[in-house]
């Protein structure tokens, strides 16, 4: 049950039992990022953040840092591009493990609220969150691949790398503006996330390029059903501010059992495969 936190004096004085800077638990923040409710563990964390009595109130900034908090409040609470963000963040000190924060918008009686669920990182690895799409960014690729090498016998678990590049996306920005383009990218990120499996990792690699890491894949045939779902999800029209946008995606693939298991080589192989496919399609030639 969540406990109302009118001010920090209402929270328990004891620090979290697990000693982590941001205790696992459930938090609710108002539209200004101020903590208004928490479960007992989370309220205990709040007491350690603002221990000076009723004038101090813990905030979203204390949980995720000021720059990221500003982005979250802008994106989620204004509903400009997302209604859910999952990020893996560093602990408050170097010795602490990373933790995962899932954030969702709620509709409160007095306006929007932000629900934050904090838990240990499922992978134990630190990654950054792309503020537009809520996906992991390109820095998450190498740790994910490194984790495939950690088998007890030193073997590398098979996996595939898909490189996704939107076709003609520049025209969306040119014709409709970057705000529409951003909404399209955010919508596609949500669709693609729903099309992949538990344990796979979708990252925004840069601009309109995305990298998808697929665990347990040995052949192109095994990846084919996922590729087809991604293509179908992309082709469905996206309505933004009265504008209907329809795009396609070109997807290149690299396989760990064929192309090695070094991140740079796999990304390059998947990227080259993607451009080879574009070159075969007259409407999508490789840029010079």
C-alpha atoms as a PDB file:
ATOM      1  CA  UNK A   1       0.000   0.000   0.000  1.00  0.00           C
ATOM      2  CA  UNK A   2       1.243   3.485  -0.796  1.00  0.00           C
ATOM      3  CA  UNK A   3       1.737   5.891   2.084  1.00  0.00           C
ATOM      4  CA  UNK A   4       0.879   9.551   1.569  1.00  0.00           C
ATOM      5  CA  UNK A   5       3.991  11.735   1.972  1.00  0.00           C
ATOM      6  CA  UNK A   6       2.823  15.283   2.712  1.00  0.00           C
ATOM      7  CA  UNK A   7       6.344  16.149   3.828  1.00  0.00           C
ATOM      8  CA  UNK A   8       9.452  14.273   4.752  1.00  0.00           C
ATOM      9  CA  UNK A   9       8.571  14.214   8.440  1.00  0.00           C
ATOM     10  CA  UNK A  10       5.896  11.641   7.574  1.00  0.00           C
ATOM     11  CA  UNK A  11       8.490   9.150   6.310  1.00  0.00           C
ATOM     12  CA  UNK A  12      10.338   6.607   8.495  1.00  0.00           C
ATOM     13  CA  UNK A  13      13.721   7.698   9.794  1.00  0.00           C
ATOM     14  CA  UNK A  14      15.553   4.440   9.119  1.00  0.00           C
ATOM     15  CA  UNK A  15      17.530   4.137   5.839  1.00  0.00           C
ATOM     16  CA  UNK A  16      16.644   1.353   3.384  1.00  0.00           C
ATOM     17  CA  UNK A  17      17.662  -2.071   4.633  1.00  0.00           C
ATOM     18  CA  UNK A  18      19.420  -2.956   1.387  1.00  0.00           C
ATOM     19  CA  UNK A  19      21.593   0.167   1.500  1.00  0.00           C
ATOM     20  CA  UNK A  20      20.945   1.086  -2.133  1.00  0.00           C
ATOM     21  CA  UNK A  21      20.758   4.816  -2.871  1.00  0.00           C
ATOM     22  CA  UNK A  22      17.366   4.458  -4.552  1.00  0.00           C
ATOM     23  CA  UNK A  23      15.477   1.773  -2.705  1.00  0.00           C
ATOM     24  CA  UNK A  24      13.437  -0.691  -4.685  1.00  0.00           C
ATOM     25  CA  UNK A  25       9.803   0.212  -4.344  1.00  0.00           C
ATOM     26  CA  UNK A  26       6.942   2.305  -5.700  1.00  0.00           C
ATOM     27  CA  UNK A  27       6.892   6.098  -5.795  1.00  0.00           C
ATOM     28  CA  UNK A  28       4.321   8.658  -6.960  1.00  0.00           C
ATOM     29  CA  UNK A  29       5.416  12.160  -7.992  1.00  0.00           C
ATOM     30  CA  UNK A  30       3.305  15.192  -8.854  1.00  0.00           C
ATOM     31  CA  UNK A  31       3.627  17.264 -12.031  1.00  0.00           C
ATOM     32  CA  UNK A  32       6.509  19.239 -10.482  1.00  0.00           C
ATOM     33  CA  UNK A  33       8.411  16.053  -9.675  1.00  0.00           C
ATOM     34  CA  UNK A  34       7.727  16.168  -5.912  1.00  0.00           C
ATOM     35  CA  UNK A  35       7.190  12.890  -4.049  1.00  0.00           C
ATOM     36  CA  UNK A  36       3.581  12.653  -2.856  1.00  0.00           C
ATOM     37  CA  UNK A  37       3.190   8.959  -2.020  1.00  0.00           C
ATOM     38  CA  UNK A  38       5.393   5.914  -1.547  1.00  0.00           C
ATOM     39  CA  UNK A  39       5.377   2.382  -0.220  1.00  0.00           C
ATOM     40  CA  UNK A  40       7.257   1.859   3.087  1.00  0.00           C
ATOM     41  CA  UNK A  41      10.604   1.001   1.499  1.00  0.00           C
ATOM     42  CA  UNK A  42      10.479   3.946  -0.877  1.00  0.00           C
ATOM     43  CA  UNK A  43       9.399   6.303   1.923  1.00  0.00           C
ATOM     44  CA  UNK A  44      12.403   5.167   3.930  1.00  0.00           C
ATOM     45  CA  UNK A  45      14.648   6.147   1.004  1.00  0.00           C
ATOM     46  CA  UNK A  46      12.987   9.552   0.930  1.00  0.00           C
ATOM     47  CA  UNK A  47      13.943  10.095   4.582  1.00  0.00           C
ATOM     48  CA  UNK A  48      17.612   9.555   3.746  1.00  0.00           C
ATOM     49  CA  UNK A  49      17.459  11.991   0.805  1.00  0.00           C
ATOM     50  CA  UNK A  50      15.821  14.846   2.748  1.00  0.00           C
ATOM     51  CA  UNK A  51      16.508  14.263   6.452  1.00  0.00           C
ATOM     52  CA  UNK A  52      15.958  17.866   7.611  1.00  0.00           C
ATOM     53  CA  UNK A  53      12.330  17.804   8.564  1.00  0.00           C
ATOM     54  CA  UNK A  54       9.165  19.227   7.042  1.00  0.00           C
ATOM     55  CA  UNK A  55      10.869  21.734   4.730  1.00  0.00           C
ATOM     56  CA  UNK A  56      12.474  18.976   2.696  1.00  0.00           C
ATOM     57  CA  UNK A  57      10.536  16.834   0.210  1.00  0.00           C
ATOM     58  CA  UNK A  58      12.194  14.186  -1.949  1.00  0.00           C
ATOM     59  CA  UNK A  59      11.780  14.598  -5.685  1.00  0.00           C
ATOM     60  CA  UNK A  60      12.174  12.840  -8.992  1.00  0.00           C
ATOM     61  CA  UNK A  61      15.468  14.728  -9.370  1.00  0.00           C
ATOM     62  CA  UNK A  62      16.809  12.934  -6.302  1.00  0.00           C
ATOM     63  CA  UNK A  63      15.880   9.617  -7.874  1.00  0.00           C
ATOM     64  CA  UNK A  64      17.176   9.976 -11.442  1.00  0.00           C
ATOM     65  CA  UNK A  65      19.222  13.208 -11.529  1.00  0.00           C
ATOM     66  CA  UNK A  66      18.138  16.666 -12.643  1.00  0.00           C
ATOM     67  CA  UNK A  67      18.729  16.520 -16.432  1.00  0.00           C
ATOM     68  CA  UNK A  68      16.904  13.220 -16.828  1.00  0.00           C
ATOM     69  CA  UNK A  69      14.109  14.327 -14.487  1.00  0.00           C
ATOM     70  CA  UNK A  70      13.439  17.391 -16.623  1.00  0.00           C
ATOM     71  CA  UNK A  71      13.207  15.238 -19.752  1.00  0.00           C
ATOM     72  CA  UNK A  72      10.919  12.723 -18.067  1.00  0.00           C
ATOM     73  CA  UNK A  73       8.559  15.392 -16.774  1.00  0.00           C
ATOM     74  CA  UNK A  74       8.427  17.057 -20.179  1.00  0.00           C
ATOM     75  CA  UNK A  75       7.944  13.859 -22.179  1.00  0.00           C
ATOM     76  CA  UNK A  76       5.662  11.854 -19.913  1.00  0.00           C
ATOM     77  CA  UNK A  77       3.568  14.453 -18.148  1.00  0.00           C
ATOM     78  CA  UNK A  78       2.944  16.555 -21.249  1.00  0.00           C
ATOM     79  CA  UNK A  79       2.405  13.350 -23.277  1.00  0.00           C
ATOM     80  CA  UNK A  80       4.481  14.804 -26.086  1.00  0.00           C
ATOM     81  CA  UNK A  81       6.053  11.546 -27.137  1.00  0.00           C
ATOM     82  CA  UNK A  82       5.552   8.737 -24.623  1.00  0.00           C
ATOM     83  CA  UNK A  83       3.386   7.311 -21.862  1.00  0.00           C
ATOM     84  CA  UNK A  84       5.974   4.888 -20.499  1.00  0.00           C
ATOM     85  CA  UNK A  85       9.751   4.984 -20.059  1.00  0.00           C
ATOM     86  CA  UNK A  86      12.075   2.293 -18.733  1.00  0.00           C
ATOM     87  CA  UNK A  87      15.650   3.294 -17.906  1.00  0.00           C
ATOM     88  CA  UNK A  88      18.611   1.621 -16.244  1.00  0.00           C
ATOM     89  CA  UNK A  89      20.480   4.097 -14.063  1.00  0.00           C
ATOM     90  CA  UNK A  90      23.599   4.223 -11.926  1.00  0.00           C
ATOM     91  CA  UNK A  91      23.389   4.084  -8.155  1.00  0.00           C
ATOM     92  CA  UNK A  92      24.211   7.118  -6.064  1.00  0.00           C
ATOM     93  CA  UNK A  93      27.753   5.950  -5.410  1.00  0.00           C
ATOM     94  CA  UNK A  94      30.204   3.911  -7.448  1.00  0.00           C
ATOM     95  CA  UNK A  95      29.906   0.818  -5.263  1.00  0.00           C
ATOM     96  CA  UNK A  96      26.156   0.530  -5.772  1.00  0.00           C
ATOM     97  CA  UNK A  97      24.727  -1.621  -8.581  1.00  0.00           C
ATOM     98  CA  UNK A  98      22.602  -0.064 -11.323  1.00  0.00           C
ATOM     99  CA  UNK A  99      18.856  -0.077 -10.880  1.00  0.00           C
ATOM    100  CA  UNK A 100      15.925  -0.023 -13.267  1.00  0.00           C
ATOM    101  CA  UNK A 101      13.237   2.637 -13.100  1.00  0.00           C
ATOM    102  CA  UNK A 102       9.916   2.151 -14.876  1.00  0.00           C
ATOM    103  CA  UNK A 103       7.901   5.359 -15.180  1.00  0.00           C
ATOM    104  CA  UNK A 104       4.260   5.714 -16.174  1.00  0.00           C
ATOM    105  CA  UNK A 105       1.847   8.621 -16.400  1.00  0.00           C
ATOM    106  CA  UNK A 106      -1.243   8.492 -14.163  1.00  0.00           C
ATOM    107  CA  UNK A 107      -4.294  10.740 -14.218  1.00  0.00           C
ATOM    108  CA  UNK A 108      -4.817  12.213 -10.754  1.00  0.00           C
ATOM    109  CA  UNK A 109      -7.781  14.229  -9.490  1.00  0.00           C
ATOM    110  CA  UNK A 110      -5.670  17.399  -9.528  1.00  0.00           C
ATOM    111  CA  UNK A 111      -3.690  16.701 -12.672  1.00  0.00           C
ATOM    112  CA  UNK A 112      -1.159  14.218 -14.059  1.00  0.00           C
ATOM    113  CA  UNK A 113       0.982  12.107 -11.738  1.00  0.00           C
ATOM    114  CA  UNK A 114       4.079  10.048 -12.352  1.00  0.00           C
ATOM    115  CA  UNK A 115       4.313   6.465 -11.079  1.00  0.00           C
ATOM    116  CA  UNK A 116       7.906   5.212 -10.653  1.00  0.00           C
ATOM    117  CA  UNK A 117       8.696   1.546  -9.943  1.00  0.00           C
ATOM    118  CA  UNK A 118      12.317   0.959  -8.908  1.00  0.00           C
ATOM    119  CA  UNK A 119      13.931  -2.471  -8.987  1.00  0.00           C
ATOM    120  CA  UNK A 120      17.441  -3.921  -9.432  1.00  0.00           C
ATOM    121  CA  UNK A 121      18.621  -4.010 -13.035  1.00  0.00           C
ATOM    122  CA  UNK A 122      17.712  -7.341 -14.604  1.00  0.00           C
ATOM    123  CA  UNK A 123      21.110  -7.560 -16.294  1.00  0.00           C
ATOM    124  CA  UNK A 124      23.218  -5.838 -13.646  1.00  0.00           C
ATOM    125  CA  UNK A 125      24.540  -3.619 -16.432  1.00  0.00           C
ATOM    126  CA  UNK A 126      24.329   0.131 -16.766  1.00  0.00           C
ATOM    127  CA  UNK A 127      22.781   1.674 -19.827  1.00  0.00           C
ATOM    128  CA  UNK A 128      21.392   5.054 -20.737  1.00  0.00           C
ATOM    129  CA  UNK A 129      17.884   5.795 -21.880  1.00  0.00           C
ATOM    130  CA  UNK A 130      17.086   7.638 -25.086  1.00  0.00           C
ATOM    131  CA  UNK A 131      14.783  10.439 -23.856  1.00  0.00           C
ATOM    132  CA  UNK A 132      12.658  10.548 -27.012  1.00  0.00           C
ATOM    133  CA  UNK A 133      11.758   6.880 -27.394  1.00  0.00           C
ATOM    134  CA  UNK A 134      12.455   5.500 -23.918  1.00  0.00           C
ATOM    135  CA  UNK A 135      14.654   2.807 -25.482  1.00  0.00           C
ATOM    136  CA  UNK A 136      18.197   2.019 -24.425  1.00  0.00           C
ATOM    137  CA  UNK A 137      20.762   3.979 -26.401  1.00  0.00           C
ATOM    138  CA  UNK A 138      23.717   2.670 -28.441  1.00  0.00           C
ATOM    139  CA  UNK A 139      25.885   2.280 -25.322  1.00  0.00           C
ATOM    140  CA  UNK A 140      23.739  -0.685 -24.264  1.00  0.00           C
ATOM    141  CA  UNK A 141      24.795  -2.776 -27.271  1.00  0.00           C
ATOM    142  CA  UNK A 142      28.267  -3.756 -26.138  1.00  0.00           C
ATOM    143  CA  UNK A 143      27.293  -4.827 -22.563  1.00  0.00           C
ATOM    144  CA  UNK A 144      24.457  -6.956 -23.958  1.00  0.00           C
ATOM    145  CA  UNK A 145      26.819  -8.717 -26.359  1.00  0.00           C
ATOM    146  CA  UNK A 146      29.437  -9.127 -23.626  1.00  0.00           C
ATOM    147  CA  UNK A 147      26.833 -10.875 -21.480  1.00  0.00           C
ATOM    148  CA  UNK A 148      26.428 -13.544 -24.168  1.00  0.00           C
ATOM    149  CA  UNK A 149      30.075 -14.549 -23.524  1.00  0.00           C
ATOM    150  CA  UNK A 150      29.543 -15.249 -19.839  1.00  0.00           C
ATOM    151  CA  UNK A 151      28.531 -18.878 -20.031  1.00  0.00           C
ATOM    152  CA  UNK A 152      29.975 -21.171 -17.399  1.00  0.00           C
ATOM    153  CA  UNK A 153      32.148 -22.958 -19.970  1.00  0.00           C
ATOM    154  CA  UNK A 154      33.208 -19.754 -21.726  1.00  0.00           C
ATOM    155  CA  UNK A 155      31.001 -20.461 -24.737  1.00  0.00           C
ATOM    156  CA  UNK A 156      29.163 -17.659 -26.500  1.00  0.00           C
ATOM    157  CA  UNK A 157      25.389 -18.010 -26.636  1.00  0.00           C
ATOM    158  CA  UNK A 158      24.208 -17.505 -30.233  1.00  0.00           C
ATOM    159  CA  UNK A 159      22.528 -14.232 -31.111  1.00  0.00           C
ATOM    160  CA  UNK A 160      21.705 -11.973 -34.050  1.00  0.00           C
ATOM    161  CA  UNK A 161      22.092  -8.244 -34.627  1.00  0.00           C
ATOM    162  CA  UNK A 162      19.469  -6.460 -36.726  1.00  0.00           C
ATOM    163  CA  UNK A 163      20.105  -2.972 -38.099  1.00  0.00           C
ATOM    164  CA  UNK A 164      16.854  -1.084 -38.782  1.00  0.00           C
ATOM    165  CA  UNK A 165      16.848   1.978 -41.037  1.00  0.00           C
ATOM    166  CA  UNK A 166      13.640   3.816 -41.908  1.00  0.00           C
ATOM    167  CA  UNK A 167      13.089   4.443 -45.611  1.00  0.00           C
ATOM    168  CA  UNK A 168      12.467   8.046 -46.684  1.00  0.00           C
ATOM    169  CA  UNK A 169      12.247   9.292 -43.091  1.00  0.00           C
ATOM    170  CA  UNK A 170      13.974  12.565 -44.016  1.00  0.00           C
ATOM    171  CA  UNK A 171      10.938  13.448 -46.098  1.00  0.00           C
ATOM    172  CA  UNK A 172       8.737  13.239 -43.002  1.00  0.00           C
ATOM    173  CA  UNK A 173      10.844  15.856 -41.243  1.00  0.00           C
ATOM    174  CA  UNK A 174      11.083  18.015 -44.371  1.00  0.00           C
ATOM    175  CA  UNK A 175       7.362  17.931 -45.151  1.00  0.00           C
ATOM    176  CA  UNK A 176       5.780  17.867 -41.694  1.00  0.00           C
ATOM    177  CA  UNK A 177       8.427  19.130 -39.277  1.00  0.00           C
ATOM    178  CA  UNK A 178      10.604  17.528 -36.640  1.00  0.00           C
ATOM    179  CA  UNK A 179       7.820  17.391 -34.033  1.00  0.00           C
ATOM    180  CA  UNK A 180       5.874  15.015 -36.281  1.00  0.00           C
ATOM    181  CA  UNK A 181       9.068  13.088 -37.005  1.00  0.00           C
ATOM    182  CA  UNK A 182       9.740  12.686 -33.294  1.00  0.00           C
ATOM    183  CA  UNK A 183       6.217  11.385 -32.706  1.00  0.00           C
ATOM    184  CA  UNK A 184       6.645   8.890 -35.539  1.00  0.00           C
ATOM    185  CA  UNK A 185       9.903   7.585 -34.048  1.00  0.00           C
ATOM    186  CA  UNK A 186       8.324   7.273 -30.608  1.00  0.00           C
ATOM    187  CA  UNK A 187       5.308   5.407 -31.992  1.00  0.00           C
ATOM    188  CA  UNK A 188       7.482   3.017 -33.976  1.00  0.00           C
ATOM    189  CA  UNK A 189       9.656   2.350 -30.927  1.00  0.00           C
ATOM    190  CA  UNK A 190       6.521   1.295 -29.019  1.00  0.00           C
ATOM    191  CA  UNK A 191       5.305  -0.908 -31.874  1.00  0.00           C
ATOM    192  CA  UNK A 192       8.655  -2.579 -32.347  1.00  0.00           C
ATOM    193  CA  UNK A 193       9.034  -3.158 -28.610  1.00  0.00           C
ATOM    194  CA  UNK A 194       5.724  -4.998 -28.660  1.00  0.00           C
ATOM    195  CA  UNK A 195       6.891  -7.135 -31.606  1.00  0.00           C
ATOM    196  CA  UNK A 196      10.039  -8.560 -30.000  1.00  0.00           C
ATOM    197  CA  UNK A 197      10.585 -11.225 -27.371  1.00  0.00           C
ATOM    198  CA  UNK A 198      11.491 -11.161 -23.697  1.00  0.00           C
ATOM    199  CA  UNK A 199      15.266 -10.978 -23.434  1.00  0.00           C
ATOM    200  CA  UNK A 200      15.798  -9.165 -26.744  1.00  0.00           C
ATOM    201  CA  UNK A 201      17.098  -5.593 -26.677  1.00  0.00           C
ATOM    202  CA  UNK A 202      15.930  -2.772 -28.951  1.00  0.00           C
ATOM    203  CA  UNK A 203      18.137   0.328 -28.968  1.00  0.00           C
ATOM    204  CA  UNK A 204      18.026   3.659 -30.710  1.00  0.00           C
ATOM    205  CA  UNK A 205      21.402   3.749 -32.399  1.00  0.00           C
ATOM    206  CA  UNK A 206      21.092   7.275 -33.766  1.00  0.00           C
ATOM    207  CA  UNK A 207      18.616   9.396 -35.738  1.00  0.00           C
ATOM    208  CA  UNK A 208      16.239   7.029 -37.529  1.00  0.00           C
ATOM    209  CA  UNK A 209      18.558   4.030 -37.092  1.00  0.00           C
ATOM    210  CA  UNK A 210      17.858   1.313 -34.535  1.00  0.00           C
ATOM    211  CA  UNK A 211      19.726  -1.834 -33.521  1.00  0.00           C
ATOM    212  CA  UNK A 212      17.899  -4.909 -32.280  1.00  0.00           C
ATOM    213  CA  UNK A 213      19.751  -7.693 -30.468  1.00  0.00           C
ATOM    214  CA  UNK A 214      18.086 -11.108 -30.628  1.00  0.00           C
ATOM    215  CA  UNK A 215      19.105 -13.846 -28.221  1.00  0.00           C
ATOM    216  CA  UNK A 216      19.292 -17.510 -29.222  1.00  0.00           C
ATOM    217  CA  UNK A 217      19.239 -16.868 -32.986  1.00  0.00           C
ATOM    218  CA  UNK A 218      21.562 -18.972 -35.158  1.00  0.00           C
ATOM    219  CA  UNK A 219      20.186 -18.455 -38.683  1.00  0.00           C
ATOM    220  CA  UNK A 220      18.349 -15.875 -40.759  1.00  0.00           C
ATOM    221  CA  UNK A 221      15.399 -18.253 -40.887  1.00  0.00           C
ATOM    222  CA  UNK A 222      15.057 -18.137 -37.109  1.00  0.00           C
ATOM    223  CA  UNK A 223      15.051 -14.338 -37.201  1.00  0.00           C
ATOM    224  CA  UNK A 224      12.591 -14.143 -40.105  1.00  0.00           C
ATOM    225  CA  UNK A 225       9.330 -14.151 -38.045  1.00  0.00           C
ATOM    226  CA  UNK A 226      10.603 -11.257 -35.933  1.00  0.00           C
ATOM    227  CA  UNK A 227      11.746  -9.335 -39.017  1.00  0.00           C
ATOM    228  CA  UNK A 228       8.310  -9.796 -40.578  1.00  0.00           C
ATOM    229  CA  UNK A 229       6.551  -8.521 -37.435  1.00  0.00           C
ATOM    230  CA  UNK A 230       8.796  -5.443 -37.426  1.00  0.00           C
ATOM    231  CA  UNK A 231       8.031  -4.713 -41.078  1.00  0.00           C
ATOM    232  CA  UNK A 232       4.278  -5.072 -40.590  1.00  0.00           C
ATOM    233  CA  UNK A 233       4.378  -2.855 -37.511  1.00  0.00           C
ATOM    234  CA  UNK A 234       6.222  -0.201 -39.512  1.00  0.00           C
ATOM    235  CA  UNK A 235       3.854  -0.218 -42.497  1.00  0.00           C
ATOM    236  CA  UNK A 236       0.743   0.543 -40.425  1.00  0.00           C
ATOM    237  CA  UNK A 237      -0.076   4.280 -40.866  1.00  0.00           C
ATOM    238  CA  UNK A 238       0.707   6.648 -37.996  1.00  0.00           C
ATOM    239  CA  UNK A 239      -1.699   9.527 -37.319  1.00  0.00           C
ATOM    240  CA  UNK A 240       0.006  12.643 -35.935  1.00  0.00           C
ATOM    241  CA  UNK A 241      -1.869  15.920 -35.620  1.00  0.00           C
ATOM    242  CA  UNK A 242      -4.169  15.171 -38.539  1.00  0.00           C
ATOM    243  CA  UNK A 243      -1.294  13.907 -40.693  1.00  0.00           C
ATOM    244  CA  UNK A 244      -1.114  10.259 -41.757  1.00  0.00           C
ATOM    245  CA  UNK A 245       2.450   9.012 -42.109  1.00  0.00           C
ATOM    246  CA  UNK A 246       3.294   5.634 -43.625  1.00  0.00           C
ATOM    247  CA  UNK A 247       6.846   4.327 -43.758  1.00  0.00           C
ATOM    248  CA  UNK A 248       8.758   1.167 -44.509  1.00  0.00           C
ATOM    249  CA  UNK A 249      11.935  -0.145 -42.924  1.00  0.00           C
ATOM    250  CA  UNK A 250      14.995  -1.907 -44.301  1.00  0.00           C
ATOM    251  CA  UNK A 251      16.487  -4.465 -41.910  1.00  0.00           C
ATOM    252  CA  UNK A 252      20.003  -5.851 -42.194  1.00  0.00           C
ATOM    253  CA  UNK A 253      21.155  -8.851 -40.181  1.00  0.00           C
ATOM    254  CA  UNK A 254      24.387 -10.249 -38.766  1.00  0.00           C
ATOM    255  CA  UNK A 255      24.780 -13.569 -36.950  1.00  0.00           C
ATOM    256  CA  UNK A 256      27.224 -14.265 -34.129  1.00  0.00           C
ATOM    257  CA  UNK A 257      27.917 -17.774 -35.410  1.00  0.00           C
ATOM    258  CA  UNK A 258      28.777 -16.426 -38.875  1.00  0.00           C
ATOM    259  CA  UNK A 259      30.067 -12.880 -38.349  1.00  0.00           C
ATOM    260  CA  UNK A 260      31.822 -13.223 -34.977  1.00  0.00           C
ATOM    261  CA  UNK A 261      30.864 -11.781 -31.604  1.00  0.00           C
ATOM    262  CA  UNK A 262      32.648  -8.433 -31.550  1.00  0.00           C
ATOM    263  CA  UNK A 263      30.173  -5.527 -31.389  1.00  0.00           C
ATOM    264  CA  UNK A 264      31.839  -3.291 -33.978  1.00  0.00           C
ATOM    265  CA  UNK A 265      32.151  -6.099 -36.534  1.00  0.00           C
ATOM    266  CA  UNK A 266      28.577  -7.251 -36.040  1.00  0.00           C
ATOM    267  CA  UNK A 267      27.146  -3.744 -36.338  1.00  0.00           C
ATOM    268  CA  UNK A 268      29.204  -3.176 -39.486  1.00  0.00           C
ATOM    269  CA  UNK A 269      28.025  -6.480 -40.984  1.00  0.00           C
ATOM    270  CA  UNK A 270      24.368  -5.770 -40.216  1.00  0.00           C
ATOM    271  CA  UNK A 271      24.720  -2.212 -41.548  1.00  0.00           C
ATOM    272  CA  UNK A 272      26.331  -3.472 -44.770  1.00  0.00           C
ATOM    273  CA  UNK A 273      23.546  -6.030 -45.212  1.00  0.00           C
ATOM    274  CA  UNK A 274      20.957  -3.295 -44.733  1.00  0.00           C
ATOM    275  CA  UNK A 275      22.574  -1.096 -47.388  1.00  0.00           C
ATOM    276  CA  UNK A 276      22.846  -4.067 -49.764  1.00  0.00           C
ATOM    277  CA  UNK A 277      19.096  -4.520 -49.468  1.00  0.00           C
ATOM    278  CA  UNK A 278      18.477  -0.823 -50.080  1.00  0.00           C
ATOM    279  CA  UNK A 279      20.686  -0.951 -53.186  1.00  0.00           C
ATOM    280  CA  UNK A 280      18.504  -3.740 -54.584  1.00  0.00           C
ATOM    281  CA  UNK A 281      15.419  -1.562 -54.213  1.00  0.00           C
ATOM    282  CA  UNK A 282      15.451   1.257 -56.817  1.00  0.00           C
ATOM    283  CA  UNK A 283      13.532   3.620 -54.542  1.00  0.00           C
ATOM    284  CA  UNK A 284      16.074   3.244 -51.739  1.00  0.00           C
ATOM    285  CA  UNK A 285      19.595   3.518 -53.241  1.00  0.00           C
ATOM    286  CA  UNK A 286      22.604   3.736 -50.990  1.00  0.00           C
ATOM    287  CA  UNK A 287      23.533   7.406 -50.410  1.00  0.00           C
ATOM    288  CA  UNK A 288      26.805   8.523 -51.949  1.00  0.00           C
END
